Amino acid sequence: MFRRAATLLLLATALAAQSLPPLREVVERFDAAQAQVQTLQCPFTLTLRRALLRTPSVTRGTLSLQGSDFAHFAFQPPEDLILHLTSKTLLSYSPEAREGELMKIGIFKNADRKFLGLGQKLSYLSDYFQIALADAKDSSNTWHLTLTPRTLSLRKRLQTLDLWVDKESWLPRQLQWVERSGDSWFLELGALRINQPLPAAVTGFKVPEGVPMRNEFSFFATRKK
């Protein structure tokens, strides 16, 4: 009985592997879909799990993405937060508290978190991560890509970056990045509005004059292990 069960399990695993498209095809189709997206806007749900805390925090808001220019996260109340991420800066702003943080970053240092994996080509990320492909275990009709850091500098900070790609649109549906400490961020994207004009408050976003800005970015703060 055990041998029969083991044989069936091996057969099921082999059939599942055969049903997967070649990784190269997934990369090419994902990159092609990303290249067609000039702007994107959608609701999001962000679940943050801290290794030292039992209860995760769940926040919601609206994500706006403009090509490779920026990603803009406007959080819903009671969360008092706006994140504006570019390839050169990470900016957070609290409108009610009238305070903010601004950190300038280099391209290489930004490879693990540039737009949190949004708006990037897998062919680019493959320079920094080893990519494994699987079919999502749930019924979400997505491919599950697990990206494991290649470089020592990334491995010191990051365990994995997971990306769930829609099988029809070839665009991201969910993302998760897990720090070496065990802290994780899980981002779920709602209905996507593709290539529609973004609000002027987003495209021309600036922190009001006179707001004190600290030279840090605590949103990604994590305990060291």
N, C-alpha and C. Protein backbone atom coordinates (compact mmCIF):
# COMPACT_ATOMS: atom_id res chain seq x y z
N MET A 1 0.82 -1.21 0.00
CA MET A 1 0.00 0.00 0.00
C MET A 1 0.86 1.26 0.00
N PHE A 2 1.92 1.22 0.84
CA PHE A 2 2.82 2.37 0.90
C PHE A 2 3.51 2.59 -0.44
N ARG A 3 3.93 1.50 -1.07
CA ARG A 3 4.62 1.62 -2.37
C ARG A 3 3.68 2.20 -3.42
N ARG A 4 2.41 1.76 -3.38
CA ARG A 4 1.45 2.27 -4.36
C ARG A 4 1.22 3.77 -4.14
N ALA A 5 1.09 4.19 -2.88
CA ALA A 5 0.90 5.61 -2.59
C ALA A 5 2.10 6.44 -3.02
N ALA A 6 3.30 5.89 -2.78
CA ALA A 6 4.52 6.60 -3.17
C ALA A 6 4.61 6.72 -4.68
N THR A 7 4.21 5.65 -5.38
CA THR A 7 4.25 5.67 -6.84
C THR A 7 3.27 6.70 -7.39
N LEU A 8 2.06 6.75 -6.81
CA LEU A 8 1.07 7.72 -7.25
C LEU A 8 1.54 9.15 -6.99
N LEU A 9 2.22 9.37 -5.85
CA LEU A 9 2.73 10.69 -5.54
C LEU A 9 3.80 11.11 -6.54
N LEU A 10 4.70 10.20 -6.87
CA LEU A 10 5.73 10.50 -7.84
C LEU A 10 5.13 10.79 -9.21
N LEU A 11 4.10 10.02 -9.58
CA LEU A 11 3.44 10.23 -10.87
C LEU A 11 2.76 11.59 -10.91
N ALA A 12 2.08 11.94 -9.82
CA ALA A 12 1.41 13.25 -9.76
C ALA A 12 2.42 14.38 -9.85
N THR A 13 3.55 14.23 -9.18
CA THR A 13 4.60 15.25 -9.22
C THR A 13 5.16 15.40 -10.63
N ALA A 14 5.36 14.27 -11.31
CA ALA A 14 5.88 14.30 -12.67
C ALA A 14 4.90 14.95 -13.63
N LEU A 15 3.61 14.63 -13.48
CA LEU A 15 2.59 15.24 -14.35
C LEU A 15 2.50 16.74 -14.11
N ALA A 16 2.61 17.14 -12.84
CA ALA A 16 2.56 18.58 -12.53
C ALA A 16 3.74 19.30 -13.15
N ALA A 17 4.90 18.67 -13.11
CA ALA A 17 6.09 19.29 -13.69
C ALA A 17 5.94 19.43 -15.20
N GLN A 18 5.31 18.42 -15.84
CA GLN A 18 5.13 18.47 -17.28
C GLN A 18 4.16 19.57 -17.69
N SER A 19 3.22 19.93 -16.79
CA SER A 19 2.22 20.93 -17.13
C SER A 19 2.76 22.35 -17.03
N LEU A 20 3.92 22.52 -16.42
CA LEU A 20 4.51 23.84 -16.29
C LEU A 20 5.11 24.29 -17.61
N PRO A 21 4.93 25.55 -17.98
CA PRO A 21 5.60 26.05 -19.18
C PRO A 21 7.09 26.23 -18.88
N PRO A 22 7.93 26.33 -19.89
CA PRO A 22 9.35 26.60 -19.65
C PRO A 22 9.52 27.93 -18.92
N LEU A 23 10.44 27.97 -17.99
CA LEU A 23 10.67 29.20 -17.23
C LEU A 23 11.00 30.36 -18.16
N ARG A 24 11.77 30.08 -19.22
CA ARG A 24 12.13 31.14 -20.16
C ARG A 24 10.88 31.76 -20.78
N GLU A 25 9.87 30.94 -21.10
CA GLU A 25 8.64 31.46 -21.68
C GLU A 25 7.91 32.36 -20.69
N VAL A 26 7.86 31.94 -19.42
CA VAL A 26 7.20 32.74 -18.39
C VAL A 26 7.89 34.09 -18.24
N VAL A 27 9.22 34.07 -18.21
CA VAL A 27 9.99 35.31 -18.09
C VAL A 27 9.70 36.23 -19.26
N GLU A 28 9.73 35.70 -20.47
CA GLU A 28 9.51 36.51 -21.66
C GLU A 28 8.09 37.09 -21.70
N ARG A 29 7.10 36.27 -21.35
CA ARG A 29 5.72 36.75 -21.41
C ARG A 29 5.44 37.76 -20.29
N PHE A 30 6.01 37.53 -19.13
CA PHE A 30 5.87 38.49 -18.04
C PHE A 30 6.51 39.82 -18.41
N ASP A 31 7.73 39.77 -18.95
CA ASP A 31 8.43 41.00 -19.34
C ASP A 31 7.67 41.75 -20.43
N ALA A 32 7.11 41.00 -21.38
CA ALA A 32 6.35 41.64 -22.46
C ALA A 32 5.10 42.32 -21.91
N ALA A 33 4.43 41.66 -20.96
CA ALA A 33 3.23 42.27 -20.35
C ALA A 33 3.61 43.51 -19.55
N GLN A 34 4.70 43.45 -18.81
CA GLN A 34 5.15 44.60 -18.04
C GLN A 34 5.49 45.78 -18.95
N ALA A 35 6.07 45.47 -20.11
CA ALA A 35 6.48 46.53 -21.03
C ALA A 35 5.29 47.29 -21.59
N GLN A 36 4.13 46.66 -21.60
CA GLN A 36 2.93 47.31 -22.13
C GLN A 36 2.24 48.21 -21.10
N VAL A 37 2.67 48.12 -19.85
CA VAL A 37 2.03 48.89 -18.78
C VAL A 37 2.77 50.20 -18.58
N GLN A 38 2.17 51.26 -19.05
CA GLN A 38 2.72 52.59 -18.82
C GLN A 38 2.29 53.14 -17.47
N THR A 39 1.02 52.93 -17.13
CA THR A 39 0.51 53.30 -15.81
C THR A 39 -0.38 52.19 -15.30
N LEU A 40 -0.46 52.10 -13.98
CA LEU A 40 -1.29 51.10 -13.34
C LEU A 40 -1.82 51.69 -12.04
N GLN A 41 -3.08 51.40 -11.75
CA GLN A 41 -3.64 51.81 -10.47
C GLN A 41 -4.58 50.73 -9.98
N CYS A 42 -4.53 50.44 -8.68
CA CYS A 42 -5.36 49.39 -8.12
C CYS A 42 -5.42 49.51 -6.61
N PRO A 43 -6.46 48.95 -5.99
CA PRO A 43 -6.46 48.85 -4.54
C PRO A 43 -5.47 47.77 -4.10
N PHE A 44 -4.95 47.91 -2.91
CA PHE A 44 -4.02 46.89 -2.40
C PHE A 44 -4.33 46.58 -0.95
N THR A 45 -3.92 45.38 -0.54
CA THR A 45 -3.94 44.97 0.86
C THR A 45 -2.54 44.51 1.23
N LEU A 46 -1.99 45.08 2.27
CA LEU A 46 -0.63 44.75 2.70
C LEU A 46 -0.68 44.12 4.08
N THR A 47 -0.16 42.90 4.18
CA THR A 47 -0.08 42.20 5.46
C THR A 47 1.38 42.14 5.89
N LEU A 48 1.66 42.75 7.02
CA LEU A 48 3.02 42.80 7.55
C LEU A 48 3.11 41.89 8.77
N ARG A 49 4.02 40.93 8.69
CA ARG A 49 4.25 40.02 9.81
C ARG A 49 5.64 40.25 10.37
N ARG A 50 5.69 40.56 11.67
CA ARG A 50 6.95 40.74 12.36
C ARG A 50 7.29 39.45 13.11
N ALA A 51 8.54 39.04 13.04
CA ALA A 51 8.95 37.79 13.67
C ALA A 51 8.72 37.81 15.18
N LEU A 52 8.79 38.98 15.79
CA LEU A 52 8.67 39.08 17.24
C LEU A 52 7.23 39.32 17.70
N LEU A 53 6.30 39.47 16.76
CA LEU A 53 4.91 39.73 17.12
C LEU A 53 4.01 38.61 16.62
N ARG A 54 3.01 38.25 17.42
CA ARG A 54 2.10 37.17 17.03
C ARG A 54 1.09 37.63 15.98
N THR A 55 0.59 38.84 16.16
CA THR A 55 -0.50 39.32 15.31
C THR A 55 0.03 40.17 14.16
N PRO A 56 -0.28 39.81 12.92
CA PRO A 56 0.16 40.63 11.78
C PRO A 56 -0.66 41.91 11.69
N SER A 57 -0.10 42.92 11.06
CA SER A 57 -0.84 44.15 10.80
C SER A 57 -1.31 44.14 9.35
N VAL A 58 -2.55 44.55 9.13
CA VAL A 58 -3.14 44.56 7.79
C VAL A 58 -3.56 45.99 7.46
N THR A 59 -3.05 46.51 6.36
CA THR A 59 -3.40 47.86 5.91
C THR A 59 -3.86 47.80 4.47
N ARG A 60 -4.62 48.83 4.08
CA ARG A 60 -5.15 48.89 2.72
C ARG A 60 -4.95 50.28 2.15
N GLY A 61 -5.08 50.36 0.84
CA GLY A 61 -4.92 51.64 0.19
C GLY A 61 -4.97 51.51 -1.31
N THR A 62 -4.39 52.50 -1.99
CA THR A 62 -4.37 52.52 -3.45
C THR A 62 -2.93 52.61 -3.94
N LEU A 63 -2.59 51.74 -4.87
CA LEU A 63 -1.27 51.75 -5.49
C LEU A 63 -1.35 52.41 -6.85
N SER A 64 -0.42 53.30 -7.15
CA SER A 64 -0.28 53.91 -8.47
C SER A 64 1.14 53.67 -8.95
N LEU A 65 1.25 53.17 -10.17
CA LEU A 65 2.56 52.85 -10.73
C LEU A 65 2.70 53.51 -12.09
N GLN A 66 3.81 54.19 -12.32
CA GLN A 66 4.08 54.80 -13.62
C GLN A 66 5.38 54.22 -14.16
N GLY A 67 5.23 53.21 -15.03
CA GLY A 67 6.39 52.57 -15.65
C GLY A 67 7.47 52.26 -14.65
N SER A 68 8.68 52.67 -14.98
CA SER A 68 9.81 52.49 -14.06
C SER A 68 10.13 53.80 -13.33
N ASP A 69 9.19 54.78 -13.41
CA ASP A 69 9.43 56.08 -12.79
C ASP A 69 9.18 56.06 -11.28
N PHE A 70 8.00 55.55 -10.90
CA PHE A 70 7.70 55.53 -9.47
C PHE A 70 6.59 54.54 -9.16
N ALA A 71 6.53 54.18 -7.88
CA ALA A 71 5.40 53.46 -7.30
C ALA A 71 4.92 54.30 -6.12
N HIS A 72 3.61 54.52 -6.05
CA HIS A 72 3.03 55.43 -5.06
C HIS A 72 1.96 54.66 -4.28
N PHE A 73 2.18 54.51 -2.98
CA PHE A 73 1.24 53.82 -2.10
C PHE A 73 0.55 54.85 -1.20
N ALA A 74 -0.76 55.03 -1.37
CA ALA A 74 -1.54 55.92 -0.52
C ALA A 74 -2.40 55.04 0.40
N PHE A 75 -2.07 55.03 1.68
CA PHE A 75 -2.76 54.17 2.63
C PHE A 75 -4.07 54.80 3.10
N GLN A 76 -5.05 53.95 3.35
CA GLN A 76 -6.35 54.41 3.83
C GLN A 76 -6.28 54.68 5.33
N PRO A 77 -7.12 55.61 5.82
CA PRO A 77 -7.24 55.81 7.27
C PRO A 77 -7.66 54.50 7.94
N PRO A 78 -7.24 54.25 9.16
CA PRO A 78 -6.56 55.20 10.06
C PRO A 78 -5.05 55.28 9.83
N GLU A 79 -4.53 54.58 8.86
CA GLU A 79 -3.09 54.63 8.59
C GLU A 79 -2.73 55.99 7.99
N ASP A 80 -1.83 56.69 8.62
CA ASP A 80 -1.41 58.02 8.18
C ASP A 80 -0.09 57.90 7.43
N LEU A 81 -0.17 57.48 6.16
CA LEU A 81 1.09 57.18 5.46
C LEU A 81 0.93 57.24 3.95
N ILE A 82 1.93 57.82 3.30
CA ILE A 82 2.11 57.77 1.85
C ILE A 82 3.54 57.33 1.59
N LEU A 83 3.71 56.33 0.72
CA LEU A 83 5.04 55.91 0.28
C LEU A 83 5.20 56.29 -1.19
N HIS A 84 6.32 56.91 -1.53
CA HIS A 84 6.60 57.27 -2.92
C HIS A 84 8.01 56.75 -3.22
N LEU A 85 8.08 55.71 -4.03
CA LEU A 85 9.34 55.02 -4.29
C LEU A 85 9.80 55.25 -5.73
N THR A 86 11.03 55.66 -5.91
CA THR A 86 11.63 55.78 -7.24
C THR A 86 12.91 54.94 -7.25
N SER A 87 13.57 54.92 -8.39
CA SER A 87 14.81 54.15 -8.50
C SER A 87 15.95 54.78 -7.71
N LYS A 88 15.77 56.02 -7.26
CA LYS A 88 16.85 56.71 -6.56
C LYS A 88 16.51 57.11 -5.13
N THR A 89 15.21 57.14 -4.80
CA THR A 89 14.82 57.58 -3.46
C THR A 89 13.67 56.74 -2.91
N LEU A 90 13.65 56.61 -1.59
CA LEU A 90 12.53 56.02 -0.86
C LEU A 90 11.98 57.13 0.03
N LEU A 91 10.70 57.45 -0.13
CA LEU A 91 10.12 58.57 0.60
C LEU A 91 8.85 58.10 1.30
N SER A 92 8.73 58.45 2.57
CA SER A 92 7.49 58.22 3.31
C SER A 92 7.03 59.53 3.92
N TYR A 93 5.72 59.74 3.95
CA TYR A 93 5.17 61.01 4.42
C TYR A 93 3.89 60.74 5.20
N SER A 94 3.78 61.37 6.36
CA SER A 94 2.59 61.28 7.19
C SER A 94 1.86 62.63 7.15
N PRO A 95 0.78 62.74 6.36
CA PRO A 95 0.10 64.03 6.20
C PRO A 95 -0.41 64.63 7.51
N GLU A 96 -1.02 63.81 8.39
CA GLU A 96 -1.57 64.35 9.62
C GLU A 96 -0.47 64.76 10.59
N ALA A 97 0.56 63.94 10.68
CA ALA A 97 1.66 64.26 11.60
C ALA A 97 2.59 65.31 11.01
N ARG A 98 2.48 65.54 9.70
CA ARG A 98 3.33 66.50 9.00
C ARG A 98 4.82 66.23 9.27
N GLU A 99 5.21 65.01 8.97
CA GLU A 99 6.60 64.62 9.06
C GLU A 99 6.88 63.54 8.03
N GLY A 100 8.15 63.42 7.66
CA GLY A 100 8.47 62.46 6.62
C GLY A 100 9.88 61.94 6.73
N GLU A 101 10.18 60.99 5.84
CA GLU A 101 11.50 60.38 5.77
C GLU A 101 11.91 60.29 4.30
N LEU A 102 13.17 60.54 4.03
CA LEU A 102 13.68 60.48 2.66
C LEU A 102 15.06 59.85 2.68
N MET A 103 15.20 58.76 1.91
CA MET A 103 16.49 58.09 1.83
C MET A 103 16.88 57.94 0.37
N LYS A 104 18.09 58.39 0.03
CA LYS A 104 18.62 58.20 -1.31
C LYS A 104 19.32 56.85 -1.37
N ILE A 105 19.12 56.15 -2.48
CA ILE A 105 19.65 54.79 -2.60
C ILE A 105 20.34 54.62 -3.94
N GLY A 106 21.21 53.62 -4.00
CA GLY A 106 21.88 53.27 -5.25
C GLY A 106 21.10 52.20 -5.99
N ILE A 107 21.35 52.06 -7.26
CA ILE A 107 20.62 51.10 -8.08
C ILE A 107 20.84 49.68 -7.58
N PHE A 108 22.09 49.31 -7.29
CA PHE A 108 22.37 47.95 -6.85
C PHE A 108 21.74 47.67 -5.49
N LYS A 109 21.87 48.62 -4.56
CA LYS A 109 21.29 48.42 -3.25
C LYS A 109 19.78 48.32 -3.32
N ASN A 110 19.22 48.87 -4.36
CA ASN A 110 17.77 48.89 -4.52
C ASN A 110 17.24 47.66 -5.23
N ALA A 111 18.14 46.75 -5.63
CA ALA A 111 17.71 45.62 -6.45
C ALA A 111 16.73 44.71 -5.74
N ASP A 112 16.79 44.63 -4.40
CA ASP A 112 15.89 43.74 -3.69
C ASP A 112 14.54 44.35 -3.40
N ARG A 113 14.45 45.70 -3.48
CA ARG A 113 13.20 46.32 -3.09
C ARG A 113 12.73 47.39 -4.07
N LYS A 114 13.32 47.49 -5.20
CA LYS A 114 12.91 48.52 -6.14
C LYS A 114 11.44 48.33 -6.51
N PHE A 115 10.61 49.26 -6.05
CA PHE A 115 9.17 49.19 -6.25
C PHE A 115 8.58 47.91 -5.64
N LEU A 116 9.31 47.29 -4.72
CA LEU A 116 8.85 46.07 -4.06
C LEU A 116 8.62 44.95 -5.08
N GLY A 117 9.39 44.95 -6.16
CA GLY A 117 9.25 43.93 -7.19
C GLY A 117 8.24 44.28 -8.26
N LEU A 118 7.60 45.45 -8.15
CA LEU A 118 6.61 45.86 -9.14
C LEU A 118 7.28 46.64 -10.27
N GLY A 119 6.75 46.50 -11.48
CA GLY A 119 7.25 47.28 -12.60
C GLY A 119 8.64 46.89 -13.06
N GLN A 120 9.11 45.73 -12.64
CA GLN A 120 10.45 45.28 -13.02
C GLN A 120 10.37 44.06 -13.92
N LYS A 121 11.36 43.91 -14.76
CA LYS A 121 11.43 42.75 -15.62
C LYS A 121 12.08 41.59 -14.88
N LEU A 122 11.53 40.40 -15.11
CA LEU A 122 12.14 39.21 -14.51
C LEU A 122 13.54 38.97 -15.06
N SER A 123 13.76 39.36 -16.31
CA SER A 123 15.09 39.20 -16.89
C SER A 123 16.11 40.04 -16.14
N TYR A 124 15.67 41.20 -15.62
CA TYR A 124 16.55 42.04 -14.81
C TYR A 124 16.74 41.42 -13.43
N LEU A 125 15.65 40.99 -12.81
CA LEU A 125 15.74 40.41 -11.48
C LEU A 125 16.56 39.11 -11.47
N SER A 126 16.58 38.40 -12.60
CA SER A 126 17.33 37.15 -12.66
C SER A 126 18.83 37.36 -12.52
N ASP A 127 19.30 38.60 -12.70
CA ASP A 127 20.71 38.89 -12.45
C ASP A 127 21.04 38.83 -10.97
N TYR A 128 20.02 39.05 -10.14
CA TYR A 128 20.22 39.10 -8.69
C TYR A 128 19.58 37.93 -7.96
N PHE A 129 18.64 37.23 -8.64
CA PHE A 129 17.90 36.15 -7.99
C PHE A 129 17.88 34.90 -8.87
N GLN A 130 17.87 33.76 -8.23
CA GLN A 130 17.61 32.51 -8.91
C GLN A 130 16.11 32.28 -8.88
N ILE A 131 15.50 31.96 -10.03
CA ILE A 131 14.04 31.89 -10.14
C ILE A 131 13.58 30.45 -10.29
N ALA A 132 12.60 30.06 -9.47
CA ALA A 132 11.98 28.74 -9.56
C ALA A 132 10.50 28.93 -9.86
N LEU A 133 9.95 28.05 -10.71
CA LEU A 133 8.56 28.16 -11.16
C LEU A 133 7.73 27.01 -10.64
N ALA A 134 6.51 27.31 -10.19
CA ALA A 134 5.56 26.29 -9.76
C ALA A 134 4.15 26.78 -10.03
N ASP A 135 3.21 25.84 -10.06
CA ASP A 135 1.80 26.20 -10.18
C ASP A 135 1.29 26.56 -8.79
N ALA A 136 0.52 27.65 -8.69
CA ALA A 136 0.00 28.06 -7.38
C ALA A 136 -0.84 26.94 -6.79
N LYS A 137 -0.72 26.73 -5.47
CA LYS A 137 -1.43 25.65 -4.81
C LYS A 137 -2.92 25.94 -4.63
N ASP A 138 -3.28 27.22 -4.65
CA ASP A 138 -4.70 27.55 -4.50
C ASP A 138 -5.37 27.62 -5.87
N SER A 139 -6.56 28.15 -5.92
CA SER A 139 -7.31 28.22 -7.18
C SER A 139 -7.25 29.61 -7.79
N SER A 140 -6.12 30.29 -7.63
CA SER A 140 -6.01 31.69 -8.07
C SER A 140 -5.65 31.83 -9.55
N ASN A 141 -5.44 30.70 -10.26
CA ASN A 141 -5.09 30.74 -11.67
C ASN A 141 -3.82 31.56 -11.91
N THR A 142 -2.81 31.29 -11.10
CA THR A 142 -1.54 32.01 -11.19
C THR A 142 -0.37 31.04 -11.23
N TRP A 143 0.74 31.55 -11.75
CA TRP A 143 2.03 30.87 -11.61
C TRP A 143 2.73 31.45 -10.40
N HIS A 144 3.39 30.59 -9.65
CA HIS A 144 4.10 31.02 -8.45
C HIS A 144 5.60 31.00 -8.74
N LEU A 145 6.22 32.16 -8.66
CA LEU A 145 7.66 32.29 -8.89
C LEU A 145 8.35 32.59 -7.56
N THR A 146 9.34 31.79 -7.22
CA THR A 146 10.13 32.00 -6.01
C THR A 146 11.51 32.49 -6.42
N LEU A 147 11.87 33.68 -5.96
CA LEU A 147 13.15 34.28 -6.30
C LEU A 147 14.06 34.23 -5.08
N THR A 148 15.18 33.53 -5.21
CA THR A 148 16.13 33.38 -4.11
C THR A 148 17.38 34.20 -4.43
N PRO A 149 17.85 35.01 -3.48
CA PRO A 149 19.01 35.88 -3.74
C PRO A 149 20.25 35.10 -4.18
N ARG A 150 20.93 35.64 -5.18
CA ARG A 150 22.18 35.04 -5.65
C ARG A 150 23.39 35.59 -4.89
N THR A 151 23.36 36.87 -4.59
CA THR A 151 24.54 37.53 -4.05
C THR A 151 24.54 37.49 -2.53
N LEU A 152 25.73 37.53 -1.96
CA LEU A 152 25.87 37.49 -0.51
C LEU A 152 25.23 38.70 0.14
N SER A 153 25.38 39.87 -0.48
CA SER A 153 24.82 41.10 0.10
C SER A 153 23.30 41.02 0.21
N LEU A 154 22.64 40.42 -0.80
CA LEU A 154 21.19 40.27 -0.74
C LEU A 154 20.79 39.18 0.26
N ARG A 155 21.54 38.08 0.30
CA ARG A 155 21.22 36.99 1.21
C ARG A 155 21.32 37.41 2.67
N LYS A 156 22.14 38.41 2.95
CA LYS A 156 22.24 38.89 4.32
C LYS A 156 20.96 39.57 4.79
N ARG A 157 20.16 40.08 3.85
CA ARG A 157 18.96 40.82 4.20
C ARG A 157 17.67 40.09 3.84
N LEU A 158 17.72 39.27 2.80
CA LEU A 158 16.49 38.75 2.22
C LEU A 158 16.54 37.24 2.08
N GLN A 159 15.44 36.57 2.48
CA GLN A 159 15.34 35.12 2.27
C GLN A 159 14.80 34.82 0.87
N THR A 160 13.61 35.31 0.60
CA THR A 160 12.98 35.07 -0.71
C THR A 160 12.10 36.23 -1.11
N LEU A 161 11.88 36.33 -2.41
CA LEU A 161 10.88 37.20 -2.99
C LEU A 161 9.95 36.32 -3.80
N ASP A 162 8.66 36.29 -3.43
CA ASP A 162 7.68 35.45 -4.12
C ASP A 162 6.76 36.32 -4.95
N LEU A 163 6.46 35.83 -6.14
CA LEU A 163 5.64 36.57 -7.09
C LEU A 163 4.61 35.64 -7.70
N TRP A 164 3.34 36.01 -7.60
CA TRP A 164 2.26 35.24 -8.22
C TRP A 164 1.80 35.99 -9.47
N VAL A 165 1.90 35.32 -10.62
CA VAL A 165 1.64 35.94 -11.92
C VAL A 165 0.36 35.38 -12.52
N ASP A 166 -0.52 36.25 -12.94
CA ASP A 166 -1.79 35.84 -13.55
C ASP A 166 -1.52 35.09 -14.86
N LYS A 167 -2.17 33.95 -15.04
CA LYS A 167 -1.92 33.12 -16.22
C LYS A 167 -2.50 33.72 -17.50
N GLU A 168 -3.41 34.67 -17.36
CA GLU A 168 -4.01 35.27 -18.55
C GLU A 168 -3.37 36.61 -18.89
N SER A 169 -3.25 37.49 -17.92
CA SER A 169 -2.68 38.82 -18.20
C SER A 169 -1.16 38.83 -18.09
N TRP A 170 -0.58 37.86 -17.38
CA TRP A 170 0.86 37.77 -17.14
C TRP A 170 1.37 38.96 -16.33
N LEU A 171 0.49 39.53 -15.52
CA LEU A 171 0.85 40.62 -14.63
C LEU A 171 0.79 40.14 -13.18
N PRO A 172 1.48 40.83 -12.27
CA PRO A 172 1.49 40.40 -10.86
C PRO A 172 0.10 40.45 -10.23
N ARG A 173 -0.19 39.46 -9.40
CA ARG A 173 -1.41 39.45 -8.60
C ARG A 173 -1.09 39.59 -7.11
N GLN A 174 0.03 38.96 -6.71
CA GLN A 174 0.45 39.01 -5.31
C GLN A 174 1.98 39.00 -5.27
N LEU A 175 2.51 39.62 -4.21
CA LEU A 175 3.95 39.62 -4.00
C LEU A 175 4.22 39.42 -2.51
N GLN A 176 5.32 38.76 -2.22
CA GLN A 176 5.72 38.60 -0.84
C GLN A 176 7.25 38.62 -0.76
N TRP A 177 7.77 39.42 0.17
CA TRP A 177 9.21 39.39 0.38
C TRP A 177 9.46 39.10 1.85
N VAL A 178 10.39 38.18 2.10
CA VAL A 178 10.68 37.70 3.44
C VAL A 178 12.10 38.07 3.81
N GLU A 179 12.25 38.84 4.89
CA GLU A 179 13.56 39.26 5.34
C GLU A 179 14.29 38.10 6.00
N ARG A 180 15.61 38.22 6.12
CA ARG A 180 16.40 37.21 6.81
C ARG A 180 15.96 37.07 8.26
N SER A 181 15.44 38.14 8.84
CA SER A 181 15.00 38.13 10.23
C SER A 181 13.71 37.33 10.42
N GLY A 182 12.98 37.06 9.32
CA GLY A 182 11.69 36.41 9.41
C GLY A 182 10.53 37.36 9.21
N ASP A 183 10.78 38.67 9.25
CA ASP A 183 9.73 39.64 8.94
C ASP A 183 9.32 39.49 7.48
N SER A 184 8.03 39.67 7.19
CA SER A 184 7.57 39.52 5.81
C SER A 184 6.50 40.53 5.48
N TRP A 185 6.44 40.88 4.20
CA TRP A 185 5.44 41.78 3.64
C TRP A 185 4.71 41.02 2.53
N PHE A 186 3.38 40.93 2.63
CA PHE A 186 2.58 40.22 1.63
C PHE A 186 1.61 41.23 1.01
N LEU A 187 1.79 41.48 -0.28
CA LEU A 187 1.02 42.50 -0.99
C LEU A 187 0.05 41.84 -1.96
N GLU A 188 -1.24 42.12 -1.79
CA GLU A 188 -2.28 41.60 -2.68
C GLU A 188 -2.85 42.76 -3.50
N LEU A 189 -2.91 42.57 -4.81
CA LEU A 189 -3.40 43.62 -5.70
C LEU A 189 -4.84 43.34 -6.12
N GLY A 190 -5.67 44.38 -6.10
CA GLY A 190 -7.05 44.25 -6.54
C GLY A 190 -7.16 44.44 -8.04
N ALA A 191 -8.35 44.82 -8.50
CA ALA A 191 -8.59 45.02 -9.93
C ALA A 191 -7.66 46.09 -10.49
N LEU A 192 -6.99 45.77 -11.59
CA LEU A 192 -6.00 46.66 -12.17
C LEU A 192 -6.63 47.60 -13.21
N ARG A 193 -6.29 48.88 -13.11
CA ARG A 193 -6.64 49.85 -14.16
C ARG A 193 -5.35 50.14 -14.91
N ILE A 194 -5.29 49.68 -16.15
CA ILE A 194 -4.05 49.74 -16.93
C ILE A 194 -4.08 50.90 -17.92
N ASN A 195 -2.99 51.64 -17.96
CA ASN A 195 -2.78 52.71 -18.95
C ASN A 195 -3.90 53.74 -18.95
N GLN A 196 -4.34 54.11 -17.75
CA GLN A 196 -5.29 55.20 -17.57
C GLN A 196 -4.56 56.36 -16.89
N PRO A 197 -4.97 57.61 -17.15
CA PRO A 197 -4.30 58.75 -16.52
C PRO A 197 -4.32 58.65 -15.01
N LEU A 198 -3.18 58.92 -14.40
CA LEU A 198 -3.09 58.93 -12.94
C LEU A 198 -3.46 60.31 -12.41
N PRO A 199 -3.96 60.40 -11.20
CA PRO A 199 -4.31 61.71 -10.61
C PRO A 199 -3.09 62.62 -10.54
N ALA A 200 -3.33 63.91 -10.73
CA ALA A 200 -2.25 64.88 -10.69
C ALA A 200 -1.56 64.90 -9.33
N ALA A 201 -2.32 64.60 -8.27
CA ALA A 201 -1.74 64.58 -6.93
C ALA A 201 -0.71 63.46 -6.78
N VAL A 202 -0.81 62.45 -7.65
CA VAL A 202 0.14 61.34 -7.62
C VAL A 202 1.34 61.63 -8.52
N THR A 203 1.07 62.01 -9.77
CA THR A 203 2.16 62.25 -10.71
C THR A 203 3.02 63.44 -10.30
N GLY A 204 2.42 64.41 -9.65
CA GLY A 204 3.18 65.59 -9.21
C GLY A 204 3.40 65.60 -7.71
N PHE A 205 3.45 64.42 -7.11
CA PHE A 205 3.53 64.35 -5.65
C PHE A 205 4.78 65.03 -5.10
N LYS A 206 4.57 65.90 -4.12
CA LYS A 206 5.66 66.54 -3.40
C LYS A 206 5.24 66.72 -1.95
N VAL A 207 6.20 66.57 -1.08
CA VAL A 207 5.94 66.84 0.33
C VAL A 207 5.85 68.36 0.51
N PRO A 208 4.84 68.86 1.21
CA PRO A 208 4.69 70.32 1.40
C PRO A 208 5.95 70.94 2.00
N GLU A 209 6.21 72.15 1.59
CA GLU A 209 7.36 72.86 2.12
C GLU A 209 7.24 73.05 3.64
N GLY A 210 8.37 72.98 4.30
CA GLY A 210 8.40 73.17 5.74
C GLY A 210 8.23 71.91 6.55
N VAL A 211 7.91 70.79 5.88
CA VAL A 211 7.76 69.52 6.61
C VAL A 211 9.15 68.95 6.90
N PRO A 212 9.47 68.66 8.15
CA PRO A 212 10.79 68.09 8.47
C PRO A 212 10.94 66.68 7.90
N MET A 213 12.10 66.42 7.28
CA MET A 213 12.36 65.13 6.65
C MET A 213 13.59 64.49 7.30
N ARG A 214 13.41 63.31 7.85
CA ARG A 214 14.53 62.57 8.43
C ARG A 214 15.25 61.77 7.35
N ASN A 215 16.54 61.63 7.47
CA ASN A 215 17.34 60.90 6.51
C ASN A 215 17.33 59.41 6.85
N GLU A 216 16.17 58.77 6.65
CA GLU A 216 16.00 57.34 6.92
C GLU A 216 14.73 56.87 6.22
N PHE A 217 14.47 55.56 6.34
CA PHE A 217 13.24 55.01 5.76
C PHE A 217 12.84 53.83 6.64
N SER A 218 12.07 54.11 7.68
CA SER A 218 11.79 53.11 8.72
C SER A 218 10.72 52.10 8.33
N PHE A 219 10.05 52.31 7.18
CA PHE A 219 9.01 51.36 6.77
C PHE A 219 9.56 49.95 6.63
N PHE A 220 10.81 49.83 6.19
CA PHE A 220 11.45 48.53 6.02
C PHE A 220 12.28 48.13 7.22
N ALA A 221 12.16 48.86 8.34
CA ALA A 221 12.97 48.54 9.50
C ALA A 221 12.68 47.12 9.95
N THR A 222 13.71 46.37 10.24
CA THR A 222 13.57 44.98 10.65
C THR A 222 14.66 44.66 11.65
N ARG A 223 14.38 43.74 12.54
CA ARG A 223 15.41 43.37 13.49
C ARG A 223 16.47 42.54 12.81
N LYS A 224 17.70 42.65 13.26
CA LYS A 224 18.79 41.88 12.67
C LYS A 224 18.89 40.52 13.36
N LYS A 225 19.24 39.54 12.56
CA LYS A 225 19.32 38.18 13.09
C LYS A 225 20.75 37.72 13.12
